[in-house]
Protein backbone atom coordinates (compact mmCIF):
# COMPACT_ATOMS: atom_id res chain seq x y z
CA MET A 1 -0.14 -0.06 -0.04
CA LYS A 2 3.01 2.33 1.03
CA GLY A 3 4.44 1.86 -2.36
CA TRP A 4 1.49 2.32 -4.43
CA PHE A 5 0.79 5.61 -2.58
CA GLN A 6 4.28 6.79 -3.36
CA ARG A 7 3.74 5.76 -7.32
CA LEU A 8 0.64 7.74 -7.09
CA SER A 9 2.19 10.63 -5.52
CA THR A 10 5.09 10.73 -8.19
CA GLN A 11 2.84 10.52 -10.91
CA ASN A 12 0.69 13.04 -9.82
CA LYS A 13 3.79 15.34 -9.45
CA LEU A 14 5.15 14.46 -13.07
CA ALA A 15 1.56 15.13 -14.29
CA SER A 16 2.28 18.87 -13.13
CA ILE A 17 5.56 19.38 -14.79
CA HIS A 18 5.04 20.55 -18.29
CA ASN A 19 8.70 22.21 -18.70
CA LEU A 20 11.86 23.13 -16.83
CA HIS A 21 10.28 26.24 -15.10
CA ASP A 22 7.41 24.10 -13.46
CA VAL A 23 10.02 21.96 -11.77
CA GLU A 24 11.48 25.14 -9.97
CA ARG A 25 8.04 26.38 -8.96
CA LEU A 26 7.38 22.78 -7.45
CA ALA A 27 10.78 22.56 -5.71
CA ARG A 28 10.20 25.88 -4.10
CA ARG A 29 7.21 24.47 -2.55
CA LYS A 30 8.92 21.31 -1.24
CA LEU A 31 12.25 22.32 0.09
CA PRO A 32 12.77 24.11 2.99
CA ARG A 33 13.81 27.82 2.38
CA PRO A 34 17.48 27.47 3.21
CA ILE A 35 17.61 24.36 0.83
CA PHE A 36 16.08 25.96 -1.95
CA GLY A 37 17.93 29.05 -1.59
CA TYR A 38 21.14 27.17 -1.74
CA ILE A 39 20.30 25.85 -5.35
CA ASP A 40 18.52 29.01 -6.53
CA HIS A 41 21.45 31.40 -5.31
CA VAL A 42 22.99 33.77 -7.60
CA ALA A 43 25.84 36.36 -6.81
CA GLU A 44 24.80 39.71 -5.51
CA ASP A 45 22.45 41.60 -7.51
CA GLY A 46 21.78 38.91 -10.15
CA ARG A 47 23.34 40.73 -13.09
CA THR A 48 24.94 37.81 -14.17
CA GLN A 49 21.89 35.67 -14.26
CA ARG A 50 20.02 38.11 -16.32
CA ALA A 51 22.69 38.04 -18.72
CA ASN A 52 22.58 34.55 -19.13
CA LEU A 53 18.81 34.73 -19.96
CA SER A 54 19.07 37.88 -22.20
CA ALA A 55 21.82 36.30 -24.33
CA PHE A 56 19.38 33.84 -25.54
CA ASP A 57 17.15 36.74 -26.85
CA GLU A 58 19.74 38.02 -28.98
CA TYR A 59 19.35 35.37 -31.48
CA HIS A 60 16.32 34.66 -33.55
CA PHE A 61 15.58 31.49 -35.56
CA CYS A 62 15.42 31.43 -39.43
CA PRO A 63 13.20 28.37 -40.25
CA LYS A 64 13.05 26.45 -43.37
CA ARG A 65 9.76 25.41 -45.01
CA LEU A 66 8.16 22.75 -46.89
CA LEU A 67 11.18 20.32 -46.39
CA THR A 68 10.37 16.53 -45.53
CA LEU A 69 10.94 15.58 -41.69
CA ARG A 70 10.52 11.97 -42.38
CA LYS A 71 14.16 11.50 -41.63
CA LEU A 72 14.29 13.69 -38.42
CA ILE A 73 17.00 11.74 -36.50
CA CYS A 74 17.60 14.43 -33.93
CA THR A 75 17.96 12.88 -30.26
CA LEU A 76 19.81 14.04 -27.51
CA SER A 77 21.78 10.73 -27.17
CA CYS A 78 22.97 10.75 -30.53
CA MET A 79 24.52 13.72 -32.89
CA ALA A 80 26.25 12.65 -36.16
CA ASN A 81 29.39 11.78 -34.29
CA ALA A 82 27.37 9.75 -31.70
CA THR A 83 28.32 12.33 -28.94
CA PRO A 84 25.86 13.13 -26.43
CA CYS A 85 24.74 16.95 -26.83
CA LEU A 86 23.02 17.28 -23.22
CA SER A 87 24.11 16.40 -19.69
CA VAL A 88 21.43 15.09 -17.06
CA SER A 89 23.23 17.31 -14.46
CA LEU A 90 25.92 19.61 -13.75
CA PRO A 91 27.88 19.08 -10.65
CA TRP A 92 26.13 20.12 -7.70
CA GLY A 93 27.48 19.83 -4.23
CA SER A 94 25.60 18.61 -1.17
CA ALA A 95 23.04 16.95 -3.25
CA ARG A 96 22.00 14.76 -0.18
CA PHE A 97 20.44 17.85 1.12
CA ARG A 98 17.94 17.78 -1.53
CA LEU A 99 17.38 14.07 -1.48
CA THR A 100 18.58 10.96 0.20
CA ARG A 101 21.52 9.73 -1.91
CA GLY A 102 20.88 12.38 -4.28
CA ASP A 103 23.90 11.86 -6.51
CA LEU A 104 23.18 8.02 -6.72
CA VAL A 105 19.58 9.16 -7.86
CA LEU A 106 21.08 11.25 -10.51
CA ALA A 107 23.83 8.98 -11.86
CA ARG A 108 21.07 6.18 -12.09
CA ALA A 109 18.65 8.59 -14.11
CA ALA A 110 21.63 9.46 -16.53
CA ALA A 111 22.54 5.95 -16.97
CA LYS A 112 18.77 5.37 -17.84
CA ARG A 113 18.66 8.05 -20.31
CA ASN A 114 22.11 7.39 -21.83
CA LEU A 115 23.32 10.70 -20.79
CA PRO A 116 26.12 11.86 -18.83
CA MET A 117 26.29 13.13 -15.14
CA ILE A 118 29.38 14.96 -13.74
CA MET A 119 29.56 14.12 -10.05
CA SER A 120 30.43 17.20 -7.85
CA GLY A 121 33.69 17.13 -5.61
CA SER A 122 31.56 18.81 -2.87
CA SER A 123 29.05 15.53 -3.05
CA LEU A 124 28.10 13.88 0.32
CA VAL A 125 28.22 10.66 -1.12
CA PRO A 126 31.47 8.75 -1.40
CA MET A 127 32.66 8.71 -5.26
CA GLU A 128 33.25 4.96 -4.91
CA GLU A 129 29.77 4.31 -4.70
CA VAL A 130 28.59 6.68 -7.37
CA ALA A 131 31.49 5.20 -9.72
CA LYS A 132 29.69 1.70 -9.54
CA VAL A 133 26.68 3.00 -11.49
CA GLU A 134 27.18 2.21 -14.98
CA GLY A 135 28.26 4.95 -17.29
CA ALA A 136 29.26 7.23 -13.94
CA ASP A 137 32.74 8.23 -15.40
CA TRP A 138 32.55 12.12 -15.19
CA PHE A 139 33.88 13.76 -11.83
CA GLN A 140 34.25 17.36 -11.25
CA ALA A 141 37.17 18.14 -8.76
CA TYR A 142 37.83 21.43 -6.74
CA LEU A 143 41.56 20.77 -6.69
CA PRO A 144 43.10 20.95 -3.03
CA GLY A 145 45.49 23.77 -2.26
CA THR A 146 48.98 21.62 -2.39
CA PRO A 147 50.49 19.61 -5.29
CA GLU A 148 50.90 16.67 -2.80
CA GLY A 149 47.15 16.99 -2.15
CA ILE A 150 46.23 17.18 -5.72
CA GLU A 151 48.28 14.11 -6.46
CA ALA A 152 46.67 12.37 -3.61
CA LEU A 153 43.08 13.31 -4.75
CA LEU A 154 43.68 12.30 -8.41
CA ALA A 155 44.74 8.84 -7.42
CA ARG A 156 41.52 8.33 -5.55
CA ILE A 157 39.50 9.44 -8.33
CA GLN A 158 41.16 7.33 -10.77
CA ARG A 159 40.94 4.36 -8.36
CA ALA A 160 37.19 4.83 -8.14
CA GLY A 161 37.11 4.26 -12.10
CA PHE A 162 36.32 7.86 -13.46
CA LYS A 163 37.73 8.41 -16.91
CA LYS A 164 36.73 12.21 -17.45
CA LEU A 165 38.16 14.67 -14.87
CA VAL A 166 36.51 18.04 -14.87
CA VAL A 167 38.56 20.70 -13.07
CA THR A 168 36.83 24.04 -12.34
CA LEU A 169 38.64 27.15 -12.53
CA ASP A 170 36.37 29.90 -11.35
CA TYR A 171 36.28 28.94 -7.47
CA PRO A 172 39.63 30.84 -6.24
CA VAL A 173 37.56 32.22 -3.29
CA PRO A 174 33.83 31.66 -2.02
CA PRO A 175 31.52 34.12 -3.61
CA ASN A 176 29.80 36.59 -1.71
CA PRO A 177 27.38 34.97 0.84
CA ASP A 178 24.83 37.69 1.20
CA ASN A 179 22.01 35.85 -0.57
CA LEU A 180 22.96 32.48 0.89
CA ARG A 181 22.41 34.12 4.42
CA ARG A 182 19.15 35.89 3.44
CA SER A 183 17.82 32.54 2.46
CA GLY A 184 18.93 30.79 5.76
CA PHE A 185 21.84 28.64 4.27
CA SER A 186 25.33 28.70 5.51
CA SER A 187 28.29 26.40 5.08
CA PRO A 188 29.15 25.02 7.44
CA LEU A 189 25.31 24.67 8.58
CA GLU A 190 24.68 26.43 11.67
CA PRO A 191 21.75 25.05 13.80
CA SER A 192 19.42 27.75 14.75
CA LEU A 193 15.60 27.99 15.83
CA ARG A 194 14.98 29.66 12.26
CA LEU A 195 16.66 26.59 10.58
CA ALA A 196 14.56 24.24 12.83
CA PHE A 197 11.20 26.32 11.86
CA ASP A 198 12.39 26.00 8.10
CA GLY A 199 12.50 22.14 8.47
CA LEU A 200 9.33 21.88 10.31
CA MET A 201 7.53 23.95 7.71
CA ARG A 202 8.36 21.20 5.03
CA PRO A 203 7.50 17.99 7.00
CA GLY A 204 7.96 15.87 3.91
CA TRP A 205 11.47 16.86 3.48
CA LEU A 206 12.12 16.86 7.07
CA CYS A 207 11.00 13.10 7.57
CA ASN A 208 11.98 11.36 4.20
CA THR A 209 15.01 13.27 3.45
CA PHE A 210 16.93 14.69 6.57
CA LEU A 211 15.79 12.39 9.31
CA ARG A 212 16.00 9.27 6.85
CA THR A 213 19.53 10.24 6.09
CA LEU A 214 20.49 10.42 9.65
CA TRP A 215 18.98 7.35 10.60
CA LYS A 216 20.27 5.36 7.48
CA HIS A 217 23.73 6.99 6.93
CA GLY A 218 24.45 9.34 10.06
CA MET A 219 25.45 12.76 9.51
CA PRO A 220 26.62 13.68 6.07
CA HIS A 221 30.18 14.64 5.36
CA PHE A 222 32.09 16.31 2.57
CA GLU A 223 33.40 13.01 1.16
CA ASN A 224 35.23 13.85 -1.99
CA ASN A 225 37.27 17.01 -1.80
CA HIS A 226 40.40 15.40 -0.63
CA ALA A 227 41.92 12.14 -0.70
CA ALA A 228 40.45 11.35 2.72
CA ARG A 229 37.12 11.86 3.67
CA GLY A 230 36.02 15.57 4.69
CA ALA A 231 34.24 17.07 7.53
CA PRO A 232 30.79 16.96 8.75
CA VAL A 233 28.44 19.42 7.22
CA ILE A 234 27.54 20.85 10.67
CA SER A 235 31.18 21.41 11.62
CA ARG A 236 33.49 24.36 11.56
CA GLU A 237 36.06 22.52 9.87
CA ALA A 238 33.87 22.11 6.82
CA ALA A 239 34.83 25.53 5.72
CA ARG A 240 38.26 24.31 5.26
CA ASP A 241 37.42 21.94 2.64
CA PHE A 242 37.07 25.08 0.25
CA SER A 243 40.13 27.04 1.08
CA GLY A 244 43.61 27.15 -0.20
CA ARG A 245 42.98 28.10 -3.91
CA ARG A 246 44.04 31.66 -3.90
CA HIS A 247 47.74 30.83 -5.34
CA PHE A 248 46.50 28.74 -8.15
CA ASP A 249 48.08 29.51 -11.57
CA TRP A 250 48.27 27.86 -14.82
CA GLY A 251 51.13 25.65 -13.71
CA TYR A 252 48.90 23.71 -11.29
CA LEU A 253 46.72 22.74 -14.50
CA ASP A 254 49.88 21.38 -16.29
CA LEU A 255 50.64 19.55 -13.18
CA VAL A 256 47.11 18.03 -13.44
CA ARG A 257 47.56 17.36 -16.87
CA ARG A 258 50.80 15.29 -16.06
CA LEU A 259 49.28 13.51 -13.45
CA TRP A 260 45.82 12.47 -15.17
CA PRO A 261 46.05 9.93 -17.64
CA ASP A 262 42.44 10.06 -19.07
CA THR A 263 40.24 12.85 -20.40
CA LEU A 264 40.64 16.35 -18.93
CA ILE A 265 38.26 18.97 -19.14
CA VAL A 266 38.32 22.16 -17.65
CA LYS A 267 35.25 24.28 -16.34
CA GLY A 268 34.90 27.87 -15.98
CA VAL A 269 36.49 29.50 -18.93
CA LEU A 270 34.96 32.85 -20.27
CA ASN A 271 38.07 34.71 -21.52
CA PRO A 272 39.22 33.47 -25.13
CA ASP A 273 42.87 33.90 -23.90
CA ASP A 274 42.23 31.39 -21.35
CA ALA A 275 40.63 28.81 -23.64
CA VAL A 276 43.81 29.05 -25.71
CA ARG A 277 45.90 28.62 -22.83
CA ALA A 278 43.86 25.80 -21.63
CA GLN A 279 44.42 24.00 -25.01
CA GLN A 280 48.12 24.58 -24.73
CA ALA A 281 47.95 22.87 -21.64
CA GLY A 282 46.58 19.72 -23.41
CA VAL A 283 42.96 19.60 -21.88
CA ASP A 284 40.71 17.42 -24.07
CA GLY A 285 37.58 19.84 -23.72
CA ILE A 286 36.39 23.05 -22.15
CA ILE A 287 33.16 24.02 -20.54
CA LEU A 288 32.45 27.68 -21.09
CA SER A 289 30.51 28.68 -17.84
CA ASN A 290 30.05 31.39 -15.40
CA HIS A 291 29.00 29.03 -12.48
CA GLY A 292 25.37 29.45 -13.26
CA ALA A 293 25.74 32.91 -12.05
CA ARG A 294 26.60 31.89 -8.62
CA GLN A 295 30.09 33.46 -8.58
CA LEU A 296 30.84 36.73 -9.84
CA ASP A 297 28.24 39.25 -10.69
CA CYS A 298 28.25 41.17 -14.07
CA THR A 299 29.80 38.63 -15.59
CA ILE A 300 29.40 37.66 -19.48
CA SER A 301 27.22 34.96 -20.45
CA PRO A 302 29.10 31.88 -21.93
CA LEU A 303 26.87 32.01 -24.90
CA GLN A 304 28.19 35.57 -25.86
CA VAL A 305 31.60 34.32 -25.94
CA LEU A 306 31.06 31.03 -27.48
CA PRO A 307 31.49 31.90 -31.19
CA GLU A 308 34.67 33.62 -30.49
CA ILE A 309 36.33 30.95 -28.41
CA LYS A 310 35.02 28.28 -31.19
CA ARG A 311 36.72 30.23 -33.65
CA ARG A 312 40.02 30.19 -31.75
CA VAL A 313 39.87 26.86 -30.25
CA SER A 314 38.35 24.63 -32.89
CA ASP A 315 40.09 21.14 -32.61
CA ILE A 316 38.78 20.05 -29.08
CA PRO A 317 35.15 19.89 -27.73
CA ILE A 318 33.75 23.25 -26.46
CA MET A 319 31.00 22.74 -24.08
CA ILE A 320 28.43 25.18 -22.31
CA ASP A 321 26.38 25.63 -19.14
CA SER A 322 24.36 28.48 -17.48
CA GLY A 323 20.96 29.24 -17.90
CA PHE A 324 19.62 26.74 -20.14
CA ARG A 325 15.82 26.05 -19.70
CA ARG A 326 14.27 25.40 -23.07
CA GLY A 327 14.85 23.23 -26.24
CA THR A 328 15.30 26.54 -28.04
CA ASP A 329 18.27 27.48 -25.66
CA VAL A 330 20.07 24.23 -26.32
CA ILE A 331 19.35 24.54 -30.30
CA LYS A 332 20.81 27.99 -29.93
CA ALA A 333 24.15 26.94 -28.45
CA LEU A 334 24.30 24.17 -30.76
CA ALA A 335 24.10 26.26 -33.69
CA LEU A 336 26.76 28.76 -32.44
CA GLY A 337 29.21 25.94 -32.16
CA ALA A 338 28.78 23.99 -28.89
CA ASP A 339 29.45 20.32 -28.95
CA PHE A 340 27.59 19.88 -25.70
CA VAL A 341 25.10 21.38 -23.32
CA PHE A 342 25.01 21.09 -19.73
CA VAL A 343 22.01 21.64 -17.47
CA GLY A 344 22.09 22.00 -13.73
CA ARG A 345 19.33 23.49 -11.67
CA PRO A 346 16.36 22.01 -13.14
CA PHE A 347 17.52 18.05 -12.87
CA ASN A 348 18.60 18.98 -9.13
CA TYR A 349 14.74 20.44 -8.69
CA ALA A 350 13.50 17.20 -10.43
CA ALA A 351 15.27 14.95 -8.17
CA ALA A 352 14.18 16.52 -4.98
CA CYS A 353 10.61 16.58 -6.08
CA ALA A 354 10.15 13.17 -7.62
CA GLY A 355 13.40 11.30 -7.12
CA GLN A 356 14.84 9.36 -10.37
CA ALA A 357 11.42 9.44 -12.16
CA GLY A 358 11.46 13.24 -11.90
CA VAL A 359 14.88 13.48 -13.60
CA GLU A 360 14.03 11.05 -16.41
CA HIS A 361 10.94 13.01 -16.98
CA VAL A 362 12.64 16.50 -17.32
CA ALA A 363 15.24 15.01 -19.52
CA ASP A 364 12.50 13.56 -21.69
CA LEU A 365 10.65 17.07 -21.62
CA LEU A 366 13.88 18.94 -22.97
CA GLN A 367 14.27 16.00 -25.64
CA ARG A 368 11.05 16.51 -26.92
CA GLU A 369 11.48 20.28 -26.93
CA VAL A 370 14.59 19.87 -29.19
CA GLU A 371 12.78 17.42 -31.52
CA ARG A 372 9.89 19.46 -32.04
CA ASN A 373 11.71 22.74 -32.33
CA MET A 374 14.01 21.06 -34.79
CA ALA A 375 11.07 20.16 -36.70
CA LEU A 376 9.78 23.58 -36.96
CA LEU A 377 13.28 24.81 -38.08
CA GLY A 378 12.87 22.50 -40.90
CA LEU A 379 16.00 20.57 -39.87
CA THR A 380 16.41 16.63 -39.89
CA SER A 381 19.59 16.33 -37.89
CA LEU A 382 21.57 18.27 -35.24
CA SER A 383 24.50 18.16 -37.55
CA GLN A 384 22.67 20.65 -39.68
CA LEU A 385 22.70 23.44 -37.09
CA ASP A 386 25.09 26.38 -37.79
CA ARG A 387 25.06 30.01 -37.77
CA THR A 388 22.81 30.35 -40.93
CA CYS A 389 19.98 29.02 -38.65
CA LEU A 390 20.08 32.18 -36.54
CA TYR A 391 19.58 35.94 -37.09
CA GLN A 392 21.07 38.42 -34.84
CA PRO A 393 19.53 41.91 -35.27
CA THR A 394 21.35 45.06 -34.21
CA ALA A 395 19.79 47.12 -31.43
CA GLY A 396 16.62 48.15 -32.26
CA GLU A 397 16.44 46.28 -35.73
CA VAL A 398 13.20 44.33 -36.62
CA PRO A 399 14.56 40.78 -37.76
CA GLN A 400 14.16 40.33 -41.57
CA SER A 401 14.21 37.30 -43.65
CA LYS A 402 17.98 36.92 -44.51
CA ASN A 403 20.32 34.73 -42.43
CA ILE A 404 23.64 35.73 -40.64
CA SER A 405 26.80 33.63 -41.14
CA GLY A 406 30.63 33.87 -40.11
C-alpha cells in the first residue's frame, strides 16, 4: 500500500511538470527555504543571471519551410558523431540535502537515459559508490591547495574508476554569501531556531530526506574534496574543505595534465585567451561557464563568448552551461558551435521533487522540446545546425528574412 501511494504521488507530481520552469516552482514548495535558496542562489544583484537569460534573446531562428521531416533523427543521445549533446546534471555539491543519496539518483537517471552526469567534488556521497553506477565516469574536482593533495586526490578519483576529470577554474575564493545568508543557508550549517522552523515547515522533506539520511547513514560529510573523507556538514572544519586556492596559476593545470592519464576537461572558462591557454595545457575539452551566475556578478554570458572561443579553439570540444531551460536554448548553443550543453538546477529540482522518475521526466521534456523545435526549423539532424539557422539583429532592428553567417 505504501509503495502504491508513493507511485501515485510521484505520478501526480510528474503530471504537473510540463517544462523546466514548472519543476522549479514545485521544488520551491517542497524544499525548506535554506535548501531551495542554496540551489537558487545567484551572486549579489543577479546581473550575471539576467545576462545568461538575455543572451538567448539576442538570437532569432530562421526556419526553412516545406522540407520533408521523415528523416528527423534528432535525439539528445546521438549526434552525427555519436556524442551526447546534453547532460542530465552539472555537478552540484551537497545533493544529499535535497534528496537521500541524491548523487546516486542523478547517476541512475542519467544511465537510464544514456546521458552523462558530472559528479561534484562537494558531494556528500563517496565517489566510490557513485562510480559503481554504469556510465558514471565524469567527476568534477575542486583541487586541494597543494601539489601533494592534488596528486593524492587524482589517484583516488582514478582508483574509483572515473575516466573524465573536470577541473573547475572559477572558484579561487567563495562568492559573496549575502544571498545565501538571506535564505538561511550557510556552510558549514549553523543550527538555529530559524533553521529548525524552516525544516518543520516542510515535514515531507524533514522526514523523508533529513531524518531518513541521519537514521540510515549518519551525519553527512563532505566526502570527495580530498583523498580522505572531509568534515561533517555541521562542523566549523567544513569551511577548510574549500580553502587554499588563491595561489593557483596555470602551472597547477599543467601539473594535473601530467598526473591525469585520461580525459581532462576544464570548466569555468569565459575569456578566449584562457581557452587558448587551456588548449596549450593539453586539455581534451572546455566548458564555458559562469557557474550558473553563482560566483561573480556582472559576468558575461557563456553564450556571448561561444562564437569567438569556438573560432580560436576549434579542434577540441567546446561545451557550455549556465541558464539553459528550453529546447530553443539548447538549439541556439549548438548552432553557435557548442558540442555539448549542460543543465544543472532543473535536474536537481526534479530529483528533489520526484526522485529518479522526476529526473528522467525532465530529460524527456527537454528532448521533446529539442526534437519539436528542430522539426519547426525544418531540420532533420543536429549536424545541420549552424549560424545560418540564426539571425542576430542589431539594437532596435526588426529581424528580416536574411540569415547571418560567419
